[in-house]
Amino acid sequence: MNEYLEEAKRNAPLGNNFIANQADFIRAYPDLEDISTDATESPRHRPKDKEAKKVFYSGKNKRHTTKTQITTSSEGKILDVSGSYPGSMHDKTLLEKEQTIEKTTRYSRHWMDKGYCGVNKEHLDKNILIPFKKPKGGELSKFQREANRYNSQKRIAVEHTIGKLKKIE
């Protein structure tokens, strides 16, 4: 066990010091200060089996799709890619199934869209940021609108990465 600790200290990005706080983490891994997660759907052939038709049909896109979740750094580097799941699966269910939150560090700000509402309340030990939803019959405050705009600016890296991946075909 001591040999393992010694090797870890030698390979630590901050010399012989372990990462003890957020400032040390950001200094060692600046591109992981902000990470973003989003799911995307890709069209697929319509299954012949009646049950499979139901499972792969995405009401949002009105077609049969497979869903994949991607996590990227602020620089657009791909950090995690989920497996492919039926298009009818909700983004939050996919996040839980892939255990994406457990794979991330508590020191990173994790930006998500409204499809992941409630995740920040379930994982209080992580720094998860989700946009505000407009209340029924109400309006968002100026602060909430500005916060949502800032969230969009941070999440654009994952959106661009997904776009580039789809363009490769």
N, C-alpha and C. Protein backbone atom coordinates (compact mmCIF):
# COMPACT_ATOMS: atom_id res chain seq x y z
N MET A 1 0.83 -1.19 0.00
CA MET A 1 0.00 0.00 0.00
C MET A 1 0.87 1.25 0.00
N ASN A 2 1.95 1.25 0.75
CA ASN A 2 2.84 2.41 0.79
C ASN A 2 3.48 2.67 -0.56
N GLU A 3 3.79 1.61 -1.31
CA GLU A 3 4.36 1.77 -2.64
C GLU A 3 3.39 2.50 -3.55
N TYR A 4 2.11 2.16 -3.42
CA TYR A 4 1.08 2.82 -4.23
C TYR A 4 1.01 4.31 -3.90
N LEU A 5 1.02 4.66 -2.62
CA LEU A 5 0.97 6.05 -2.21
C LEU A 5 2.18 6.83 -2.68
N GLU A 6 3.34 6.21 -2.61
CA GLU A 6 4.55 6.88 -3.08
C GLU A 6 4.49 7.15 -4.58
N GLU A 7 3.99 6.17 -5.33
CA GLU A 7 3.86 6.37 -6.78
C GLU A 7 2.85 7.46 -7.08
N ALA A 8 1.75 7.49 -6.33
CA ALA A 8 0.73 8.52 -6.53
C ALA A 8 1.30 9.91 -6.25
N LYS A 9 2.13 10.03 -5.22
CA LYS A 9 2.75 11.32 -4.90
C LYS A 9 3.70 11.76 -6.01
N ARG A 10 4.47 10.80 -6.56
CA ARG A 10 5.41 11.14 -7.63
C ARG A 10 4.68 11.60 -8.89
N ASN A 11 3.51 10.99 -9.17
CA ASN A 11 2.77 11.29 -10.38
C ASN A 11 1.74 12.40 -10.20
N ALA A 12 1.62 12.94 -9.00
CA ALA A 12 0.65 13.99 -8.73
C ALA A 12 1.01 15.24 -9.54
N PRO A 13 0.01 15.92 -10.12
CA PRO A 13 0.29 17.07 -10.96
C PRO A 13 0.86 18.27 -10.19
N LEU A 14 0.76 18.29 -8.89
CA LEU A 14 1.27 19.41 -8.10
C LEU A 14 2.54 19.03 -7.36
N GLY A 15 3.35 18.19 -7.95
CA GLY A 15 4.58 17.75 -7.28
C GLY A 15 4.25 16.68 -6.27
N ASN A 16 4.70 16.86 -5.04
CA ASN A 16 4.46 15.87 -3.99
C ASN A 16 3.21 16.15 -3.18
N ASN A 17 2.45 17.18 -3.54
CA ASN A 17 1.24 17.52 -2.79
C ASN A 17 0.01 16.89 -3.44
N PHE A 18 -0.91 16.44 -2.61
CA PHE A 18 -2.18 15.95 -3.11
C PHE A 18 -3.10 17.14 -3.31
N ILE A 19 -4.11 16.98 -4.14
CA ILE A 19 -5.08 18.05 -4.35
C ILE A 19 -5.97 18.11 -3.12
N ALA A 20 -5.90 19.23 -2.42
CA ALA A 20 -6.60 19.37 -1.15
C ALA A 20 -7.83 20.25 -1.25
N ASN A 21 -7.89 21.11 -2.28
CA ASN A 21 -9.03 22.02 -2.38
C ASN A 21 -9.28 22.38 -3.84
N GLN A 22 -10.31 23.17 -4.06
CA GLN A 22 -10.70 23.52 -5.41
C GLN A 22 -9.62 24.31 -6.14
N ALA A 23 -8.96 25.21 -5.45
CA ALA A 23 -7.92 26.03 -6.09
C ALA A 23 -6.78 25.15 -6.62
N ASP A 24 -6.35 24.16 -5.83
CA ASP A 24 -5.30 23.23 -6.29
C ASP A 24 -5.77 22.43 -7.50
N PHE A 25 -7.03 21.99 -7.47
CA PHE A 25 -7.57 21.21 -8.57
C PHE A 25 -7.59 22.03 -9.85
N ILE A 26 -8.07 23.26 -9.78
CA ILE A 26 -8.17 24.12 -10.97
C ILE A 26 -6.78 24.46 -11.50
N ARG A 27 -5.82 24.65 -10.61
CA ARG A 27 -4.45 24.92 -11.04
C ARG A 27 -3.87 23.71 -11.78
N ALA A 28 -4.20 22.51 -11.31
CA ALA A 28 -3.67 21.29 -11.92
C ALA A 28 -4.42 20.94 -13.22
N TYR A 29 -5.74 21.16 -13.25
CA TYR A 29 -6.57 20.78 -14.40
C TYR A 29 -7.46 21.96 -14.79
N PRO A 30 -6.92 23.00 -15.41
CA PRO A 30 -7.72 24.20 -15.71
C PRO A 30 -8.89 23.94 -16.66
N ASP A 31 -8.75 22.97 -17.58
CA ASP A 31 -9.84 22.72 -18.51
C ASP A 31 -11.00 21.96 -17.87
N LEU A 32 -10.84 21.48 -16.64
CA LEU A 32 -11.93 20.77 -15.95
C LEU A 32 -12.66 21.65 -14.94
N GLU A 33 -12.39 22.96 -14.98
CA GLU A 33 -13.10 23.86 -14.07
C GLU A 33 -14.59 23.84 -14.39
N ASP A 34 -14.93 23.82 -15.68
CA ASP A 34 -16.31 23.74 -16.12
C ASP A 34 -16.47 22.52 -17.03
N ILE A 35 -17.46 21.68 -16.72
CA ILE A 35 -17.80 20.55 -17.59
C ILE A 35 -19.28 20.61 -17.90
N SER A 36 -19.67 20.07 -19.04
CA SER A 36 -21.07 20.11 -19.47
C SER A 36 -21.52 18.73 -19.90
N THR A 37 -22.77 18.43 -19.62
CA THR A 37 -23.36 17.15 -20.03
C THR A 37 -24.64 17.41 -20.79
N ASP A 38 -24.85 16.69 -21.87
CA ASP A 38 -26.09 16.78 -22.62
C ASP A 38 -26.32 15.46 -23.35
N ALA A 39 -27.57 15.21 -23.67
CA ALA A 39 -27.93 14.00 -24.42
C ALA A 39 -28.36 14.39 -25.82
N THR A 40 -28.12 13.51 -26.76
CA THR A 40 -28.51 13.75 -28.14
C THR A 40 -29.18 12.50 -28.70
N GLU A 41 -30.05 12.72 -29.67
CA GLU A 41 -30.75 11.61 -30.29
C GLU A 41 -30.32 11.48 -31.74
N SER A 42 -30.15 10.25 -32.18
CA SER A 42 -29.80 9.96 -33.57
C SER A 42 -30.88 9.07 -34.17
N PRO A 43 -31.28 9.34 -35.40
CA PRO A 43 -32.32 8.51 -36.01
C PRO A 43 -31.85 7.08 -36.24
N ARG A 44 -32.78 6.16 -36.21
CA ARG A 44 -32.49 4.75 -36.49
C ARG A 44 -33.64 4.17 -37.30
N HIS A 45 -33.40 3.00 -37.88
CA HIS A 45 -34.47 2.35 -38.64
C HIS A 45 -35.59 1.93 -37.70
N ARG A 46 -36.80 1.98 -38.21
CA ARG A 46 -37.95 1.58 -37.41
C ARG A 46 -37.91 0.08 -37.17
N PRO A 47 -37.95 -0.35 -35.91
CA PRO A 47 -37.92 -1.78 -35.62
C PRO A 47 -39.19 -2.48 -36.11
N LYS A 48 -39.08 -3.76 -36.43
CA LYS A 48 -40.24 -4.54 -36.89
C LYS A 48 -41.07 -5.02 -35.69
N ASP A 49 -40.41 -5.32 -34.58
CA ASP A 49 -41.08 -5.79 -33.38
C ASP A 49 -41.94 -4.68 -32.77
N LYS A 50 -43.18 -5.00 -32.40
CA LYS A 50 -44.12 -4.01 -31.89
C LYS A 50 -43.62 -3.37 -30.59
N GLU A 51 -43.07 -4.16 -29.69
CA GLU A 51 -42.57 -3.64 -28.42
C GLU A 51 -41.35 -2.73 -28.64
N ALA A 52 -40.47 -3.13 -29.54
CA ALA A 52 -39.28 -2.32 -29.83
C ALA A 52 -39.69 -0.99 -30.46
N LYS A 53 -40.75 -0.99 -31.26
CA LYS A 53 -41.24 0.26 -31.84
C LYS A 53 -41.58 1.26 -30.75
N LYS A 54 -42.28 0.78 -29.72
CA LYS A 54 -42.66 1.66 -28.61
C LYS A 54 -41.44 2.21 -27.89
N VAL A 55 -40.49 1.34 -27.62
CA VAL A 55 -39.32 1.71 -26.83
C VAL A 55 -38.43 2.73 -27.54
N PHE A 56 -38.24 2.55 -28.84
CA PHE A 56 -37.32 3.43 -29.57
C PHE A 56 -37.99 4.68 -30.13
N TYR A 57 -39.32 4.79 -30.01
CA TYR A 57 -40.00 5.97 -30.55
C TYR A 57 -39.82 7.15 -29.61
N SER A 58 -39.31 8.24 -30.15
CA SER A 58 -39.14 9.46 -29.39
C SER A 58 -40.27 10.42 -29.74
N GLY A 59 -41.12 10.69 -28.76
CA GLY A 59 -42.22 11.63 -28.98
C GLY A 59 -41.73 13.03 -29.28
N LYS A 60 -40.58 13.38 -28.73
CA LYS A 60 -40.00 14.70 -28.95
C LYS A 60 -39.63 14.91 -30.42
N ASN A 61 -38.99 13.91 -31.02
CA ASN A 61 -38.55 14.01 -32.41
C ASN A 61 -39.53 13.39 -33.40
N LYS A 62 -40.57 12.73 -32.90
CA LYS A 62 -41.59 12.08 -33.74
C LYS A 62 -40.99 11.07 -34.71
N ARG A 63 -40.00 10.31 -34.21
CA ARG A 63 -39.37 9.27 -35.03
C ARG A 63 -38.68 8.28 -34.09
N HIS A 64 -38.14 7.21 -34.63
CA HIS A 64 -37.42 6.21 -33.85
C HIS A 64 -35.96 6.63 -33.74
N THR A 65 -35.46 6.69 -32.51
CA THR A 65 -34.11 7.19 -32.28
C THR A 65 -33.37 6.38 -31.23
N THR A 66 -32.06 6.59 -31.17
CA THR A 66 -31.25 6.11 -30.05
C THR A 66 -30.67 7.35 -29.39
N LYS A 67 -30.52 7.28 -28.08
CA LYS A 67 -30.06 8.43 -27.30
C LYS A 67 -28.68 8.13 -26.73
N THR A 68 -27.80 9.14 -26.80
CA THR A 68 -26.45 9.03 -26.27
C THR A 68 -26.15 10.29 -25.47
N GLN A 69 -25.47 10.13 -24.36
CA GLN A 69 -25.12 11.26 -23.50
C GLN A 69 -23.63 11.53 -23.57
N ILE A 70 -23.26 12.81 -23.67
CA ILE A 70 -21.86 13.20 -23.80
C ILE A 70 -21.52 14.23 -22.74
N THR A 71 -20.35 14.06 -22.10
CA THR A 71 -19.83 15.03 -21.14
C THR A 71 -18.53 15.57 -21.71
N THR A 72 -18.41 16.91 -21.74
CA THR A 72 -17.20 17.54 -22.29
C THR A 72 -16.62 18.55 -21.30
N SER A 73 -15.35 18.88 -21.52
CA SER A 73 -14.71 19.94 -20.75
C SER A 73 -15.08 21.28 -21.38
N SER A 74 -14.65 22.37 -20.76
CA SER A 74 -14.95 23.70 -21.30
C SER A 74 -14.25 23.93 -22.63
N GLU A 75 -13.20 23.17 -22.90
CA GLU A 75 -12.47 23.28 -24.16
C GLU A 75 -13.08 22.42 -25.26
N GLY A 76 -14.10 21.63 -24.94
CA GLY A 76 -14.74 20.76 -25.92
C GLY A 76 -14.15 19.37 -25.99
N LYS A 77 -13.23 19.03 -25.07
CA LYS A 77 -12.67 17.68 -25.04
C LYS A 77 -13.72 16.73 -24.47
N ILE A 78 -13.88 15.59 -25.11
CA ILE A 78 -14.88 14.62 -24.66
C ILE A 78 -14.32 13.88 -23.45
N LEU A 79 -15.06 13.94 -22.34
CA LEU A 79 -14.64 13.28 -21.11
C LEU A 79 -15.35 11.95 -20.91
N ASP A 80 -16.61 11.86 -21.35
CA ASP A 80 -17.39 10.65 -21.14
C ASP A 80 -18.46 10.54 -22.22
N VAL A 81 -18.65 9.33 -22.72
CA VAL A 81 -19.71 9.04 -23.68
C VAL A 81 -20.48 7.83 -23.15
N SER A 82 -21.79 7.96 -23.10
CA SER A 82 -22.60 6.85 -22.60
C SER A 82 -22.78 5.82 -23.71
N GLY A 83 -23.39 4.72 -23.33
CA GLY A 83 -23.81 3.75 -24.33
C GLY A 83 -25.03 4.30 -25.06
N SER A 84 -25.54 3.57 -26.03
CA SER A 84 -26.74 4.00 -26.75
C SER A 84 -27.96 3.38 -26.07
N TYR A 85 -28.98 4.20 -25.89
CA TYR A 85 -30.21 3.79 -25.23
C TYR A 85 -31.39 4.14 -26.12
N PRO A 86 -32.55 3.54 -25.87
CA PRO A 86 -33.74 3.86 -26.66
C PRO A 86 -34.08 5.35 -26.57
N GLY A 87 -34.60 5.91 -27.66
CA GLY A 87 -34.93 7.33 -27.72
C GLY A 87 -36.00 7.78 -26.75
N SER A 88 -36.81 6.85 -26.25
CA SER A 88 -37.87 7.23 -25.32
C SER A 88 -37.36 7.47 -23.90
N MET A 89 -36.10 7.12 -23.63
CA MET A 89 -35.55 7.29 -22.28
C MET A 89 -35.31 8.76 -21.97
N HIS A 90 -35.69 9.18 -20.77
CA HIS A 90 -35.50 10.56 -20.33
C HIS A 90 -34.02 10.83 -20.05
N ASP A 91 -33.59 12.07 -20.26
CA ASP A 91 -32.19 12.46 -20.04
C ASP A 91 -31.73 12.15 -18.61
N LYS A 92 -32.58 12.45 -17.65
CA LYS A 92 -32.22 12.24 -16.24
C LYS A 92 -32.06 10.75 -15.92
N THR A 93 -32.91 9.92 -16.50
CA THR A 93 -32.82 8.47 -16.31
C THR A 93 -31.50 7.95 -16.88
N LEU A 94 -31.14 8.46 -18.03
CA LEU A 94 -29.89 8.09 -18.68
C LEU A 94 -28.69 8.50 -17.82
N LEU A 95 -28.76 9.69 -17.24
CA LEU A 95 -27.70 10.18 -16.36
C LEU A 95 -27.52 9.25 -15.16
N GLU A 96 -28.62 8.83 -14.56
CA GLU A 96 -28.56 7.94 -13.40
C GLU A 96 -28.06 6.55 -13.79
N LYS A 97 -28.53 6.05 -14.93
CA LYS A 97 -28.14 4.71 -15.38
C LYS A 97 -26.64 4.63 -15.67
N GLU A 98 -26.09 5.69 -16.26
CA GLU A 98 -24.66 5.75 -16.60
C GLU A 98 -23.80 6.19 -15.41
N GLN A 99 -24.41 6.64 -14.34
CA GLN A 99 -23.71 7.13 -13.14
C GLN A 99 -22.69 8.22 -13.50
N THR A 100 -23.11 9.12 -14.35
CA THR A 100 -22.24 10.20 -14.82
C THR A 100 -21.81 11.11 -13.69
N ILE A 101 -22.71 11.41 -12.77
CA ILE A 101 -22.38 12.32 -11.66
C ILE A 101 -21.28 11.72 -10.79
N GLU A 102 -21.33 10.41 -10.56
CA GLU A 102 -20.33 9.76 -9.73
C GLU A 102 -18.95 9.78 -10.40
N LYS A 103 -18.90 9.91 -11.72
CA LYS A 103 -17.63 9.93 -12.45
C LYS A 103 -16.96 11.30 -12.41
N THR A 104 -17.69 12.32 -11.99
CA THR A 104 -17.14 13.68 -11.99
C THR A 104 -16.63 14.07 -10.60
N THR A 105 -15.80 15.07 -10.58
CA THR A 105 -15.23 15.55 -9.33
C THR A 105 -16.11 16.64 -8.71
N ARG A 106 -16.02 16.78 -7.44
CA ARG A 106 -16.82 17.81 -6.76
C ARG A 106 -16.26 19.20 -7.00
N TYR A 107 -15.04 19.28 -7.50
CA TYR A 107 -14.40 20.58 -7.71
C TYR A 107 -14.80 21.24 -9.02
N SER A 108 -15.37 20.50 -9.94
CA SER A 108 -15.78 21.05 -11.24
C SER A 108 -17.20 21.59 -11.16
N ARG A 109 -17.44 22.68 -11.91
CA ARG A 109 -18.81 23.15 -12.07
C ARG A 109 -19.40 22.36 -13.22
N HIS A 110 -20.52 21.70 -12.96
CA HIS A 110 -21.14 20.80 -13.94
C HIS A 110 -22.39 21.47 -14.48
N TRP A 111 -22.35 21.92 -15.74
CA TRP A 111 -23.45 22.63 -16.37
C TRP A 111 -24.35 21.65 -17.11
N MET A 112 -25.68 21.79 -16.90
CA MET A 112 -26.65 20.92 -17.56
C MET A 112 -27.83 21.74 -18.04
N ASP A 113 -28.68 21.13 -18.88
CA ASP A 113 -29.88 21.83 -19.34
C ASP A 113 -31.08 21.44 -18.48
N LYS A 114 -32.25 21.95 -18.83
CA LYS A 114 -33.44 21.75 -18.02
C LYS A 114 -33.93 20.30 -18.00
N GLY A 115 -33.42 19.47 -18.89
CA GLY A 115 -33.78 18.06 -18.92
C GLY A 115 -33.27 17.30 -17.70
N TYR A 116 -32.39 17.92 -16.94
CA TYR A 116 -31.80 17.28 -15.76
C TYR A 116 -32.29 17.91 -14.46
N CYS A 117 -33.45 18.54 -14.48
CA CYS A 117 -33.99 19.20 -13.28
C CYS A 117 -34.07 18.22 -12.11
N GLY A 118 -33.64 18.66 -10.96
CA GLY A 118 -33.69 17.85 -9.75
C GLY A 118 -32.39 17.14 -9.43
N VAL A 119 -31.50 17.02 -10.41
CA VAL A 119 -30.23 16.32 -10.18
C VAL A 119 -29.40 17.08 -9.14
N ASN A 120 -29.44 18.42 -9.20
CA ASN A 120 -28.66 19.22 -8.25
C ASN A 120 -29.16 19.04 -6.82
N LYS A 121 -30.42 18.73 -6.64
CA LYS A 121 -30.96 18.51 -5.29
C LYS A 121 -30.65 17.11 -4.78
N GLU A 122 -30.45 16.17 -5.69
CA GLU A 122 -30.12 14.79 -5.32
C GLU A 122 -28.64 14.61 -5.01
N HIS A 123 -27.80 15.47 -5.57
CA HIS A 123 -26.34 15.37 -5.40
C HIS A 123 -25.82 16.68 -4.83
N LEU A 124 -26.08 16.91 -3.56
CA LEU A 124 -25.69 18.16 -2.93
C LEU A 124 -24.17 18.30 -2.78
N ASP A 125 -23.44 17.17 -2.83
CA ASP A 125 -21.99 17.21 -2.69
C ASP A 125 -21.29 17.65 -3.98
N LYS A 126 -22.02 17.72 -5.10
CA LYS A 126 -21.46 18.12 -6.39
C LYS A 126 -21.92 19.54 -6.73
N ASN A 127 -21.18 20.20 -7.59
CA ASN A 127 -21.49 21.57 -7.99
C ASN A 127 -22.21 21.52 -9.34
N ILE A 128 -23.52 21.23 -9.30
CA ILE A 128 -24.33 21.07 -10.51
C ILE A 128 -25.17 22.32 -10.72
N LEU A 129 -25.12 22.87 -11.93
CA LEU A 129 -25.83 24.12 -12.25
C LEU A 129 -26.82 23.88 -13.37
N ILE A 130 -28.10 24.15 -13.09
CA ILE A 130 -29.19 23.91 -14.04
C ILE A 130 -29.96 25.23 -14.19
N PRO A 131 -30.43 25.55 -15.40
CA PRO A 131 -31.16 26.80 -15.60
C PRO A 131 -32.48 26.84 -14.81
N PHE A 132 -32.94 28.04 -14.56
CA PHE A 132 -34.23 28.24 -13.89
C PHE A 132 -35.35 27.98 -14.89
N LYS A 133 -36.45 27.36 -14.39
CA LYS A 133 -37.63 27.17 -15.22
C LYS A 133 -38.61 28.30 -14.92
N LYS A 134 -39.29 28.75 -15.95
CA LYS A 134 -40.29 29.80 -15.77
C LYS A 134 -41.48 29.21 -15.02
N PRO A 135 -41.93 29.86 -13.95
CA PRO A 135 -43.10 29.34 -13.22
C PRO A 135 -44.37 29.49 -14.06
N LYS A 136 -45.33 28.60 -13.84
CA LYS A 136 -46.59 28.66 -14.58
C LYS A 136 -47.26 30.01 -14.34
N GLY A 137 -47.58 30.67 -15.42
CA GLY A 137 -48.27 31.95 -15.32
C GLY A 137 -47.40 33.09 -14.80
N GLY A 138 -46.12 32.85 -14.63
CA GLY A 138 -45.23 33.88 -14.09
C GLY A 138 -44.10 34.20 -15.05
N GLU A 139 -43.19 34.98 -14.58
CA GLU A 139 -42.01 35.36 -15.36
C GLU A 139 -40.76 35.14 -14.52
N LEU A 140 -39.64 34.97 -15.19
CA LEU A 140 -38.36 34.87 -14.49
C LEU A 140 -37.89 36.27 -14.12
N SER A 141 -37.20 36.37 -13.00
CA SER A 141 -36.63 37.66 -12.61
C SER A 141 -35.45 37.98 -13.51
N LYS A 142 -34.98 39.22 -13.46
CA LYS A 142 -33.84 39.63 -14.29
C LYS A 142 -32.61 38.79 -13.93
N PHE A 143 -32.41 38.54 -12.64
CA PHE A 143 -31.28 37.70 -12.21
C PHE A 143 -31.37 36.30 -12.81
N GLN A 144 -32.56 35.70 -12.77
CA GLN A 144 -32.75 34.36 -13.31
C GLN A 144 -32.50 34.31 -14.82
N ARG A 145 -32.95 35.34 -15.55
CA ARG A 145 -32.70 35.39 -16.99
C ARG A 145 -31.21 35.50 -17.27
N GLU A 146 -30.51 36.34 -16.51
CA GLU A 146 -29.05 36.49 -16.68
C GLU A 146 -28.33 35.18 -16.34
N ALA A 147 -28.78 34.52 -15.28
CA ALA A 147 -28.17 33.24 -14.89
C ALA A 147 -28.38 32.20 -15.98
N ASN A 148 -29.56 32.16 -16.57
CA ASN A 148 -29.84 31.21 -17.66
C ASN A 148 -28.99 31.51 -18.88
N ARG A 149 -28.78 32.79 -19.17
CA ARG A 149 -27.94 33.17 -20.31
C ARG A 149 -26.49 32.72 -20.06
N TYR A 150 -26.02 32.92 -18.84
CA TYR A 150 -24.66 32.50 -18.50
C TYR A 150 -24.52 30.97 -18.59
N ASN A 151 -25.55 30.25 -18.14
CA ASN A 151 -25.56 28.79 -18.23
C ASN A 151 -25.46 28.36 -19.69
N SER A 152 -26.19 29.02 -20.57
CA SER A 152 -26.15 28.69 -22.00
C SER A 152 -24.76 28.91 -22.57
N GLN A 153 -24.10 29.99 -22.15
CA GLN A 153 -22.75 30.28 -22.64
C GLN A 153 -21.76 29.20 -22.21
N LYS A 154 -21.95 28.65 -21.02
CA LYS A 154 -21.05 27.60 -20.52
C LYS A 154 -21.35 26.26 -21.17
N ARG A 155 -22.62 26.00 -21.50
CA ARG A 155 -23.00 24.71 -22.07
C ARG A 155 -22.74 24.61 -23.57
N ILE A 156 -22.41 25.72 -24.19
CA ILE A 156 -22.26 25.72 -25.65
C ILE A 156 -21.16 24.76 -26.11
N ALA A 157 -20.17 24.51 -25.25
CA ALA A 157 -19.07 23.60 -25.62
C ALA A 157 -19.60 22.19 -25.92
N VAL A 158 -20.49 21.70 -25.09
CA VAL A 158 -21.04 20.35 -25.32
C VAL A 158 -21.94 20.35 -26.55
N GLU A 159 -22.69 21.43 -26.77
CA GLU A 159 -23.55 21.51 -27.95
C GLU A 159 -22.71 21.51 -29.23
N HIS A 160 -21.61 22.25 -29.23
CA HIS A 160 -20.74 22.29 -30.41
C HIS A 160 -20.08 20.93 -30.65
N THR A 161 -19.68 20.26 -29.57
CA THR A 161 -19.06 18.94 -29.69
C THR A 161 -20.05 17.94 -30.29
N ILE A 162 -21.28 17.96 -29.82
CA ILE A 162 -22.31 17.07 -30.37
C ILE A 162 -22.53 17.37 -31.85
N GLY A 163 -22.57 18.65 -32.20
CA GLY A 163 -22.73 19.04 -33.60
C GLY A 163 -21.60 18.53 -34.47
N LYS A 164 -20.36 18.64 -33.96
CA LYS A 164 -19.20 18.15 -34.72
C LYS A 164 -19.27 16.64 -34.90
N LEU A 165 -19.68 15.92 -33.85
CA LEU A 165 -19.77 14.46 -33.94
C LEU A 165 -20.83 14.05 -34.97
N LYS A 166 -21.92 14.76 -35.03
CA LYS A 166 -22.99 14.41 -35.98
C LYS A 166 -22.59 14.76 -37.40
N LYS A 167 -21.71 15.75 -37.55
CA LYS A 167 -21.28 16.17 -38.89
C LYS A 167 -20.29 15.21 -39.51
N ILE A 168 -19.62 14.40 -38.69
CA ILE A 168 -18.60 13.46 -39.16
C ILE A 168 -19.18 12.44 -40.13
N GLU A 169 -20.41 12.05 -39.91
CA GLU A 169 -21.07 11.02 -40.73
C GLU A 169 -20.93 11.35 -42.14
